[in-house]
């Protein structure tokens, strides 16, 4: 199902060149370059490209360390990560991991900076099992997951509190970044699987879940039939947004042609 997020404008303007002359480098906006210069004084930009999550990944050399700085396509900083030698891990971090996972062996570690939180991502191993443990510099275990170090976000207290308050019976299943740089948290609320989205400031953007075409309100079906009489409903989602905004996102098909239409429960088609 296609997600419609008019949240970030896909613009990479005011292009400036990186220090690397490699033609494969992604041009960086002035905002991104200025952010790096301000936060990482004296850093040298070495390479830039899109990562697998659609974020802009900028490799820099800063204080003799190679760091990867990630931005959304709207130039918003998401996080920065860099390798940390196991010998340089703070003793309190090592102790927290070994106490929580006594049968695992430490493999490698990253340090991750986010706008509201910094932590160590420590990869541990036991046989064929790989786990990444997120630990604060003070030795508090924040979360654990499988996956690539640094790519999986740590859920903030603000995000967890919002979900607990808005969806009190829900269980958090999984979470990751979208190609737009939003934080997507998958929850199960009763028997319904919801996707809850937050921006980089942990503010709620929207929640959506799949609905069957035969459960769409008559007003929605009537509006679609009048505007698109030759199309049939392929799939649909129910969307909740702040300030009580709700609507259905309906995917219509006619042969090989697909269109997505947003319709309120009372049949108003949204532009």
Protein backbone atom coordinates (compact mmCIF):
# COMPACT_ATOMS: atom_id res chain seq x y z
CA UNK A 1 0.00 0.00 0.00
CA UNK A 2 1.43 3.36 -0.93
CA UNK A 3 1.96 5.82 1.91
CA UNK A 4 1.13 9.46 1.26
CA UNK A 5 3.16 11.69 3.55
CA UNK A 6 3.13 15.37 2.61
CA UNK A 7 5.59 15.88 5.45
CA UNK A 8 8.93 16.32 3.77
CA UNK A 9 9.57 18.15 0.52
CA UNK A 10 11.97 16.16 -1.64
CA UNK A 11 14.36 18.92 -2.46
CA UNK A 12 18.10 18.91 -2.79
CA UNK A 13 18.82 22.45 -3.85
CA UNK A 14 21.73 24.82 -3.39
CA UNK A 15 24.02 21.93 -4.24
CA UNK A 16 27.61 22.10 -3.10
CA UNK A 17 30.36 19.68 -3.96
CA UNK A 18 32.03 17.31 -1.49
CA UNK A 19 35.77 17.23 -1.07
CA UNK A 20 35.76 13.88 -2.87
CA UNK A 21 35.63 14.31 -6.64
CA UNK A 22 33.99 10.91 -7.13
CA UNK A 23 31.14 11.41 -9.62
CA UNK A 24 29.07 8.86 -7.71
CA UNK A 25 28.85 11.20 -4.72
CA UNK A 26 25.36 12.47 -3.94
CA UNK A 27 25.25 16.28 -4.16
CA UNK A 28 24.67 17.79 -0.72
CA UNK A 29 22.55 20.80 0.09
CA UNK A 30 23.99 23.87 1.77
CA UNK A 31 21.97 23.05 4.91
CA UNK A 32 23.56 19.61 5.26
CA UNK A 33 27.08 20.94 4.75
CA UNK A 34 26.55 23.77 7.24
CA UNK A 35 25.14 21.35 9.82
CA UNK A 36 28.19 19.10 9.53
CA UNK A 37 30.57 22.06 9.76
CA UNK A 38 28.79 23.32 12.86
CA UNK A 39 28.37 20.03 14.74
CA UNK A 40 31.64 18.41 13.69
CA UNK A 41 34.10 21.28 13.56
CA UNK A 42 36.99 20.57 11.22
CA UNK A 43 35.36 17.51 9.65
CA UNK A 44 36.21 16.52 6.09
CA UNK A 45 33.35 15.20 3.94
CA UNK A 46 34.59 12.06 2.20
CA UNK A 47 31.57 10.47 0.55
CA UNK A 48 27.79 10.81 0.26
CA UNK A 49 25.05 8.49 -0.99
CA UNK A 50 21.59 7.13 -0.20
CA UNK A 51 21.55 4.26 2.27
CA UNK A 52 19.20 1.25 2.13
CA UNK A 53 16.56 3.14 4.13
CA UNK A 54 16.51 6.08 1.71
CA UNK A 55 18.38 8.36 4.10
CA UNK A 56 21.24 10.57 2.91
CA UNK A 57 24.43 9.03 4.32
CA UNK A 58 27.45 11.32 4.56
CA UNK A 59 30.81 9.84 5.50
CA UNK A 60 33.10 12.29 7.28
CA UNK A 61 36.52 12.24 8.90
CA UNK A 62 36.34 13.96 12.27
CA UNK A 63 38.92 13.90 15.05
CA UNK A 64 40.67 10.94 13.36
CA UNK A 65 37.40 8.97 13.32
CA UNK A 66 35.33 7.95 10.30
CA UNK A 67 31.73 8.86 11.09
CA UNK A 68 28.51 8.30 9.12
CA UNK A 69 26.02 11.16 9.37
CA UNK A 70 22.43 10.50 8.23
CA UNK A 71 19.82 12.99 7.03
CA UNK A 72 16.31 12.83 5.65
CA UNK A 73 15.75 14.10 2.13
CA UNK A 74 14.43 17.26 3.82
CA UNK A 75 17.91 17.89 5.30
CA UNK A 76 16.89 16.92 8.84
CA UNK A 77 19.62 15.20 10.84
CA UNK A 78 18.54 11.70 11.94
CA UNK A 79 21.63 10.25 13.59
CA UNK A 80 25.40 9.81 13.43
CA UNK A 81 27.32 6.61 14.11
CA UNK A 82 30.93 5.45 14.22
CA UNK A 83 32.88 2.35 15.16
CA UNK A 84 34.14 1.94 18.70
CA UNK A 85 36.88 -0.54 19.58
CA UNK A 86 35.79 -3.04 22.19
CA UNK A 87 38.88 -2.11 24.18
CA UNK A 88 37.57 1.46 24.32
CA UNK A 89 34.05 0.58 25.49
CA UNK A 90 33.40 2.06 28.93
CA UNK A 91 33.61 -0.58 31.65
CA UNK A 92 30.08 0.25 32.81
CA UNK A 93 28.73 -0.46 29.30
CA UNK A 94 30.58 -3.78 29.03
CA UNK A 95 29.37 -4.80 32.47
CA UNK A 96 25.75 -4.00 31.61
CA UNK A 97 25.89 -6.13 28.46
CA UNK A 98 27.70 -9.09 30.01
CA UNK A 99 25.38 -9.11 33.02
CA UNK A 100 22.30 -9.10 30.79
CA UNK A 101 23.71 -11.62 28.30
CA UNK A 102 26.26 -13.73 30.22
CA UNK A 103 26.50 -16.47 27.56
CA UNK A 104 27.16 -14.08 24.66
CA UNK A 105 30.46 -12.82 23.28
CA UNK A 106 31.02 -9.15 22.42
CA UNK A 107 31.71 -8.80 18.69
CA UNK A 108 31.77 -5.10 17.84
CA UNK A 109 30.27 -1.76 18.83
CA UNK A 110 29.16 1.58 17.43
CA UNK A 111 28.47 4.88 19.13
CA UNK A 112 25.26 6.52 17.96
CA UNK A 113 24.21 10.15 18.35
CA UNK A 114 20.58 11.16 17.79
CA UNK A 115 18.93 14.56 18.36
CA UNK A 116 17.53 13.54 21.75
CA UNK A 117 19.67 10.57 22.74
CA UNK A 118 23.16 9.04 22.44
CA UNK A 119 24.04 5.40 23.10
CA UNK A 120 26.30 2.47 22.29
CA UNK A 121 25.08 -0.21 19.87
CA UNK A 122 26.89 -3.36 20.96
CA UNK A 123 26.70 -6.47 18.78
CA UNK A 124 26.96 -9.74 20.68
CA UNK A 125 26.95 -13.33 19.47
CA UNK A 126 26.14 -16.81 20.71
CA UNK A 127 26.42 -19.56 18.12
CA UNK A 128 24.30 -18.45 15.16
CA UNK A 129 22.39 -15.89 17.22
CA UNK A 130 23.32 -12.22 16.78
CA UNK A 131 21.84 -9.55 19.01
CA UNK A 132 22.45 -5.80 19.12
CA UNK A 133 22.09 -4.24 22.56
CA UNK A 134 21.58 -0.50 22.92
CA UNK A 135 23.23 0.87 26.06
CA UNK A 136 23.44 4.41 27.39
CA UNK A 137 26.87 5.81 28.36
CA UNK A 138 25.73 5.36 31.98
CA UNK A 139 25.24 1.62 31.48
CA UNK A 140 21.44 1.52 31.13
CA UNK A 141 20.21 -1.02 28.58
CA UNK A 142 17.74 0.82 26.38
CA UNK A 143 16.61 -1.86 23.96
CA UNK A 144 17.80 -4.90 22.03
CA UNK A 145 17.17 -6.20 18.54
CA UNK A 146 18.64 -8.09 15.66
CA UNK A 147 19.84 -6.13 12.66
CA UNK A 148 22.62 -3.84 11.52
CA UNK A 149 24.19 -1.63 14.22
CA UNK A 150 22.93 1.92 14.19
CA UNK A 151 20.11 1.44 11.69
CA UNK A 152 17.43 0.53 14.21
CA UNK A 153 16.26 3.44 16.36
CA UNK A 154 15.86 3.44 20.10
CA UNK A 155 12.32 4.29 21.12
CA UNK A 156 12.27 7.36 23.30
CA UNK A 157 10.16 7.67 26.44
CA UNK A 158 8.00 10.20 24.58
CA UNK A 159 7.17 7.71 21.82
CA UNK A 160 6.50 4.86 24.25
CA UNK A 161 4.32 7.09 26.45
CA UNK A 162 2.30 8.30 23.47
CA UNK A 163 1.59 4.75 22.30
CA UNK A 164 0.74 3.59 25.82
CA UNK A 165 -1.71 6.47 26.25
CA UNK A 166 -3.34 6.39 22.80
CA UNK A 167 -3.31 2.61 22.37
CA UNK A 168 -3.26 1.26 25.96
CA UNK A 169 -3.86 -2.38 24.98
CA UNK A 170 -1.29 -2.39 22.17
CA UNK A 171 2.00 -4.26 22.06
CA UNK A 172 5.01 -2.89 20.19
CA UNK A 173 6.16 -5.44 17.61
CA UNK A 174 8.83 -3.73 15.51
CA UNK A 175 10.16 -0.30 14.58
CA UNK A 176 12.39 1.20 11.90
CA UNK A 177 12.95 4.29 9.78
CA UNK A 178 10.95 4.85 6.59
CA UNK A 179 12.44 6.15 3.34
CA UNK A 180 11.17 9.59 4.39
CA UNK A 181 13.10 9.45 7.64
CA UNK A 182 10.00 8.94 9.77
CA UNK A 183 10.06 6.53 12.69
CA UNK A 184 7.61 3.69 11.99
CA UNK A 185 6.42 1.69 15.00
CA UNK A 186 4.40 -1.45 14.27
CA UNK A 187 1.95 -2.35 17.02
CA UNK A 188 -0.76 -4.94 17.55
CA UNK A 189 -3.85 -3.44 19.11
CA UNK A 190 -6.20 -6.30 19.89
CA UNK A 191 -6.25 -8.17 16.56
CA UNK A 192 -5.38 -5.13 14.45
CA UNK A 193 -1.86 -4.46 13.21
CA UNK A 194 -1.24 -0.70 13.20
CA UNK A 195 1.65 1.35 11.88
CA UNK A 196 2.35 4.46 13.96
CA UNK A 197 4.61 7.19 12.54
CA UNK A 198 6.65 9.88 14.32
CA UNK A 199 8.89 12.66 13.03
CA UNK A 200 12.48 13.27 14.12
CA UNK A 201 11.22 15.25 17.15
CA UNK A 202 9.16 12.24 18.32
CA UNK A 203 5.91 14.02 17.40
CA UNK A 204 3.10 11.78 16.18
CA UNK A 205 2.48 12.09 12.43
CA UNK A 206 -0.16 9.45 11.74
CA UNK A 207 -1.40 5.92 12.37
CA UNK A 208 -2.79 3.62 9.70
CA UNK A 209 -4.01 0.05 9.34
CA UNK A 210 -5.42 -2.15 6.60
CA UNK A 211 -9.17 -2.48 6.18
CA UNK A 212 -11.21 -4.77 3.94
CA UNK A 213 -12.89 -3.23 0.93
CA UNK A 214 -16.23 -4.67 2.05
CA UNK A 215 -16.02 -2.70 5.31
CA UNK A 216 -15.67 0.69 3.63
CA UNK A 217 -18.58 3.04 4.45
CA UNK A 218 -21.27 3.38 1.80
CA UNK A 219 -20.45 7.10 1.46
CA UNK A 220 -16.85 6.24 0.56
CA UNK A 221 -17.84 3.61 -2.00
CA UNK A 222 -20.42 5.94 -3.53
CA UNK A 223 -17.91 8.79 -3.90
CA UNK A 224 -15.36 6.48 -5.53
CA UNK A 225 -17.95 4.98 -7.88
CA UNK A 226 -19.06 8.42 -9.04
CA UNK A 227 -15.53 9.73 -9.67
CA UNK A 228 -13.90 6.52 -10.91
CA UNK A 229 -16.67 4.30 -12.32
CA UNK A 230 -14.26 2.10 -14.32
CA UNK A 231 -11.99 1.34 -11.36
CA UNK A 232 -12.28 -1.26 -8.63
CA UNK A 233 -10.97 -1.19 -5.07
CA UNK A 234 -7.72 -3.11 -4.73
CA UNK A 235 -6.88 -2.30 -1.09
CA UNK A 236 -7.59 0.25 1.59
CA UNK A 237 -6.23 1.70 4.82
CA UNK A 238 -7.73 3.74 7.61
CA UNK A 239 -5.60 6.73 8.59
CA UNK A 240 -5.59 8.76 11.81
CA UNK A 241 -3.74 12.06 12.11
CA UNK A 242 -3.47 14.73 14.82
CA UNK A 243 -6.36 17.05 15.62
CA UNK A 244 -8.95 14.37 14.84
CA UNK A 245 -8.20 14.10 11.11
CA UNK A 246 -9.26 10.68 9.79
CA UNK A 247 -9.72 9.31 6.29
CA UNK A 248 -9.43 6.23 4.13
CA UNK A 249 -6.57 5.77 1.68
CA UNK A 250 -7.97 3.63 -1.11
CA UNK A 251 -5.96 2.09 -3.93
CA UNK A 252 -7.96 1.73 -7.13
CA UNK A 253 -7.08 -0.29 -10.22
CA UNK A 254 -8.12 -0.39 -13.84
CA UNK A 255 -6.06 -2.84 -15.84
CA UNK A 256 -2.44 -1.82 -15.31
CA UNK A 257 -3.39 1.65 -14.04
CA UNK A 258 -3.35 2.31 -10.30
CA UNK A 259 -4.41 5.42 -8.42
CA UNK A 260 -4.59 6.27 -4.72
CA UNK A 261 -7.47 8.33 -3.37
CA UNK A 262 -7.97 9.75 0.13
CA UNK A 263 -11.62 9.87 1.21
CA UNK A 264 -13.18 10.95 4.51
CA UNK A 265 -15.72 8.59 6.15
CA UNK A 266 -18.56 10.82 4.92
CA UNK A 267 -17.41 10.59 1.29
CA UNK A 268 -15.40 13.79 0.81
CA UNK A 269 -12.47 13.21 -1.55
CA UNK A 270 -9.34 14.95 -0.26
CA UNK A 271 -7.01 16.72 -2.65
